[in-house]
C-alpha cells in the first residue's frame, strides 16, 4: 500500500512540476526573473530524486509564491552582464 502512495505522490509532483514550468515560461517578467524561477524549479526537481515529500512541500511554497506574485528580483536590472 505504501508503495502505491509513493507512486501516486511521484505522479502528483511530476504533474505539478510540469504545470509550474509552463506557468514560469508564460509569465510576463524580465528574463532574469524567469531564469531565477527556472533555477528554483530545477532545484526542486533534483530534490524530488532524494526526498519526494520535501520536494512536494517546496513545490507547494513555490506555487503559492507564483500565485501571490512574489518573484525573485531581476539580477540584471542595472543592465550589467
N, C-alpha and C. Protein backbone atom coordinates (compact mmCIF):
# COMPACT_ATOMS: atom_id res chain seq x y z
N UNK A 1 0.82 -1.20 0.00
CA UNK A 1 0.00 0.00 0.00
C UNK A 1 0.87 1.26 0.00
N UNK A 2 1.94 1.26 0.82
CA UNK A 2 2.80 2.44 0.89
C UNK A 2 3.45 2.73 -0.46
N UNK A 3 3.82 1.69 -1.17
CA UNK A 3 4.43 1.87 -2.49
C UNK A 3 3.46 2.57 -3.44
N UNK A 4 2.18 2.21 -3.37
CA UNK A 4 1.17 2.85 -4.20
C UNK A 4 1.06 4.34 -3.87
N UNK A 5 1.12 4.66 -2.57
CA UNK A 5 1.06 6.06 -2.16
C UNK A 5 2.27 6.83 -2.69
N UNK A 6 3.45 6.19 -2.64
CA UNK A 6 4.67 6.81 -3.13
C UNK A 6 4.57 7.07 -4.64
N UNK A 7 4.07 6.10 -5.38
CA UNK A 7 3.91 6.27 -6.82
C UNK A 7 2.90 7.38 -7.13
N UNK A 8 1.84 7.43 -6.34
CA UNK A 8 0.84 8.49 -6.54
C UNK A 8 1.46 9.87 -6.29
N UNK A 9 2.28 9.97 -5.24
CA UNK A 9 2.94 11.24 -4.94
C UNK A 9 3.92 11.62 -6.05
N UNK A 10 4.66 10.65 -6.57
CA UNK A 10 5.55 10.93 -7.71
C UNK A 10 4.76 11.51 -8.87
N UNK A 11 3.64 10.90 -9.18
CA UNK A 11 2.81 11.38 -10.28
C UNK A 11 2.30 12.79 -10.04
N UNK A 12 1.86 13.04 -8.81
CA UNK A 12 1.36 14.37 -8.45
C UNK A 12 2.46 15.42 -8.57
N UNK A 13 3.63 15.12 -8.02
CA UNK A 13 4.75 16.07 -8.09
C UNK A 13 5.17 16.30 -9.54
N UNK A 14 5.22 15.24 -10.32
CA UNK A 14 5.60 15.37 -11.73
C UNK A 14 4.62 16.27 -12.48
N UNK A 15 3.33 16.07 -12.25
CA UNK A 15 2.32 16.91 -12.91
C UNK A 15 2.43 18.36 -12.46
N UNK A 16 2.64 18.57 -11.15
CA UNK A 16 2.76 19.95 -10.62
C UNK A 16 4.02 20.62 -11.15
N UNK A 17 5.12 19.88 -11.27
CA UNK A 17 6.35 20.46 -11.84
C UNK A 17 6.13 20.87 -13.29
N UNK A 18 5.43 20.04 -14.03
CA UNK A 18 5.13 20.37 -15.42
C UNK A 18 4.30 21.64 -15.50
N UNK A 19 3.28 21.75 -14.65
CA UNK A 19 2.45 22.95 -14.61
C UNK A 19 3.27 24.17 -14.22
N UNK A 20 4.14 24.00 -13.23
CA UNK A 20 4.97 25.11 -12.76
C UNK A 20 5.89 25.61 -13.87
N UNK A 21 6.51 24.70 -14.59
CA UNK A 21 7.39 25.09 -15.70
C UNK A 21 6.60 25.83 -16.78
N UNK A 22 5.41 25.37 -17.07
CA UNK A 22 4.56 26.05 -18.06
C UNK A 22 4.21 27.46 -17.60
N UNK A 23 3.85 27.59 -16.33
CA UNK A 23 3.50 28.91 -15.80
C UNK A 23 4.68 29.86 -15.86
N UNK A 24 5.86 29.37 -15.47
CA UNK A 24 7.05 30.23 -15.49
C UNK A 24 7.36 30.64 -16.92
N UNK A 25 7.25 29.72 -17.84
CA UNK A 25 7.56 30.01 -19.24
C UNK A 25 6.65 31.09 -19.83
N UNK A 26 5.41 31.15 -19.35
CA UNK A 26 4.45 32.09 -19.93
C UNK A 26 4.32 33.40 -19.14
N UNK A 27 5.05 33.52 -18.02
CA UNK A 27 4.99 34.76 -17.24
C UNK A 27 5.53 35.94 -18.03
N UNK A 28 4.92 37.08 -17.84
CA UNK A 28 5.39 38.32 -18.45
C UNK A 28 6.31 39.03 -17.45
N UNK A 29 7.53 38.51 -17.33
CA UNK A 29 8.52 39.05 -16.40
C UNK A 29 9.85 39.19 -17.13
N UNK A 30 10.78 40.00 -16.59
CA UNK A 30 12.11 40.10 -17.22
C UNK A 30 12.79 38.73 -17.27
N UNK A 31 13.68 38.57 -18.23
CA UNK A 31 14.34 37.29 -18.43
C UNK A 31 15.13 36.85 -17.19
N UNK A 32 15.73 37.79 -16.47
CA UNK A 32 16.46 37.43 -15.26
C UNK A 32 15.57 36.81 -14.20
N UNK A 33 14.36 37.29 -14.08
CA UNK A 33 13.39 36.73 -13.14
C UNK A 33 12.99 35.33 -13.59
N UNK A 34 12.73 35.18 -14.87
CA UNK A 34 12.35 33.87 -15.41
C UNK A 34 13.47 32.85 -15.17
N UNK A 35 14.71 33.27 -15.36
CA UNK A 35 15.85 32.37 -15.14
C UNK A 35 15.93 31.96 -13.67
N UNK A 36 15.72 32.91 -12.75
CA UNK A 36 15.78 32.61 -11.33
C UNK A 36 14.67 31.62 -10.94
N UNK A 37 13.48 31.82 -11.48
CA UNK A 37 12.37 30.91 -11.19
C UNK A 37 12.66 29.52 -11.76
N UNK A 38 13.23 29.47 -12.93
CA UNK A 38 13.56 28.19 -13.55
C UNK A 38 14.61 27.45 -12.73
N UNK A 39 15.60 28.19 -12.24
CA UNK A 39 16.62 27.56 -11.38
C UNK A 39 15.97 26.97 -10.12
N UNK A 40 15.04 27.69 -9.54
CA UNK A 40 14.35 27.17 -8.35
C UNK A 40 13.61 25.87 -8.68
N UNK A 41 12.97 25.83 -9.84
CA UNK A 41 12.27 24.62 -10.23
C UNK A 41 13.24 23.47 -10.46
N UNK A 42 14.39 23.76 -11.01
CA UNK A 42 15.38 22.70 -11.22
C UNK A 42 15.89 22.15 -9.89
N UNK A 43 16.05 23.01 -8.90
CA UNK A 43 16.46 22.56 -7.57
C UNK A 43 15.38 21.66 -6.96
N UNK A 44 14.14 22.06 -7.11
CA UNK A 44 13.03 21.24 -6.59
C UNK A 44 12.99 19.89 -7.31
N UNK A 45 13.20 19.91 -8.62
CA UNK A 45 13.22 18.67 -9.40
C UNK A 45 14.32 17.74 -8.91
N UNK A 46 15.50 18.29 -8.68
CA UNK A 46 16.61 17.48 -8.18
C UNK A 46 16.31 16.95 -6.79
N UNK A 47 15.69 17.76 -5.95
CA UNK A 47 15.35 17.34 -4.59
C UNK A 47 14.36 16.17 -4.61
N UNK A 48 13.49 16.15 -5.60
CA UNK A 48 12.49 15.08 -5.69
C UNK A 48 13.14 13.71 -5.84
N UNK A 49 14.35 13.66 -6.35
CA UNK A 49 15.04 12.39 -6.52
C UNK A 49 15.52 11.82 -5.19
N UNK A 50 15.66 12.68 -4.18
CA UNK A 50 16.21 12.25 -2.90
C UNK A 50 15.20 12.30 -1.76
N UNK A 51 14.29 13.26 -1.80
CA UNK A 51 13.31 13.42 -0.73
C UNK A 51 12.02 13.96 -1.35
N UNK A 52 11.20 13.04 -1.76
CA UNK A 52 9.99 13.41 -2.50
C UNK A 52 9.05 14.27 -1.68
N UNK A 53 8.88 13.94 -0.42
CA UNK A 53 7.96 14.71 0.43
C UNK A 53 8.44 16.15 0.58
N UNK A 54 9.73 16.34 0.79
CA UNK A 54 10.29 17.69 0.91
C UNK A 54 10.12 18.45 -0.41
N UNK A 55 10.37 17.79 -1.51
CA UNK A 55 10.21 18.43 -2.81
C UNK A 55 8.76 18.85 -3.03
N UNK A 56 7.82 18.02 -2.61
CA UNK A 56 6.40 18.35 -2.75
C UNK A 56 6.07 19.60 -1.94
N UNK A 57 6.60 19.69 -0.71
CA UNK A 57 6.37 20.88 0.12
C UNK A 57 6.99 22.11 -0.53
N UNK A 58 8.21 21.99 -1.00
CA UNK A 58 8.89 23.13 -1.62
C UNK A 58 8.15 23.59 -2.88
N UNK A 59 7.62 22.63 -3.63
CA UNK A 59 6.86 22.97 -4.83
C UNK A 59 5.58 23.71 -4.46
N UNK A 60 4.92 23.29 -3.39
CA UNK A 60 3.71 23.99 -2.94
C UNK A 60 4.04 25.43 -2.57
N UNK A 61 5.15 25.65 -1.85
CA UNK A 61 5.57 27.00 -1.49
C UNK A 61 5.88 27.82 -2.74
N UNK A 62 6.55 27.19 -3.70
CA UNK A 62 6.89 27.87 -4.95
C UNK A 62 5.63 28.31 -5.68
N UNK A 63 4.66 27.40 -5.78
CA UNK A 63 3.41 27.72 -6.48
C UNK A 63 2.64 28.81 -5.74
N UNK A 64 2.66 28.77 -4.41
CA UNK A 64 1.99 29.82 -3.63
C UNK A 64 2.65 31.18 -3.91
N UNK A 65 3.97 31.20 -4.00
CA UNK A 65 4.66 32.45 -4.33
C UNK A 65 4.24 32.94 -5.72
N UNK A 66 4.14 32.04 -6.68
CA UNK A 66 3.69 32.43 -8.02
C UNK A 66 2.27 32.99 -7.97
N UNK A 67 1.40 32.31 -7.24
CA UNK A 67 0.01 32.75 -7.13
C UNK A 67 -0.09 34.14 -6.51
N UNK A 68 0.79 34.44 -5.57
CA UNK A 68 0.78 35.73 -4.88
C UNK A 68 1.61 36.80 -5.60
N UNK A 69 2.25 36.41 -6.70
CA UNK A 69 3.06 37.37 -7.45
C UNK A 69 4.38 37.69 -6.79
N UNK A 70 4.87 36.80 -5.93
CA UNK A 70 6.16 37.00 -5.27
C UNK A 70 7.24 36.34 -6.13
N UNK A 71 8.00 37.16 -6.84
CA UNK A 71 9.05 36.67 -7.72
C UNK A 71 10.40 37.18 -7.23
N UNK A 72 11.47 36.45 -7.55
CA UNK A 72 12.79 36.98 -7.21
C UNK A 72 13.06 38.24 -8.03
N UNK A 73 13.93 39.08 -7.52
CA UNK A 73 14.27 40.29 -8.24
C UNK A 73 15.12 39.96 -9.46
N UNK A 74 15.00 40.79 -10.47
CA UNK A 74 15.79 40.62 -11.68
C UNK A 74 17.25 40.96 -11.36
N UNK A 75 18.11 40.00 -11.57
CA UNK A 75 19.51 40.20 -11.26
C UNK A 75 20.19 41.15 -12.24
N UNK A 76 19.55 41.45 -13.35
CA UNK A 76 20.13 42.30 -14.39
C UNK A 76 19.44 43.64 -14.50
N UNK A 77 18.81 44.12 -13.43
CA UNK A 77 18.10 45.39 -13.52
C UNK A 77 19.03 46.57 -13.73
N UNK A 78 20.31 46.43 -13.34
CA UNK A 78 21.25 47.52 -13.55
C UNK A 78 21.91 47.44 -14.94
N UNK A 79 21.42 46.50 -15.74
CA UNK A 79 21.88 46.29 -17.12
C UNK A 79 23.34 45.78 -17.19
N UNK A 80 23.86 45.26 -16.08
CA UNK A 80 25.20 44.70 -16.12
C UNK A 80 25.10 43.25 -16.58
N UNK A 81 26.16 42.71 -17.14
CA UNK A 81 26.12 41.32 -17.63
C UNK A 81 26.00 40.30 -16.53
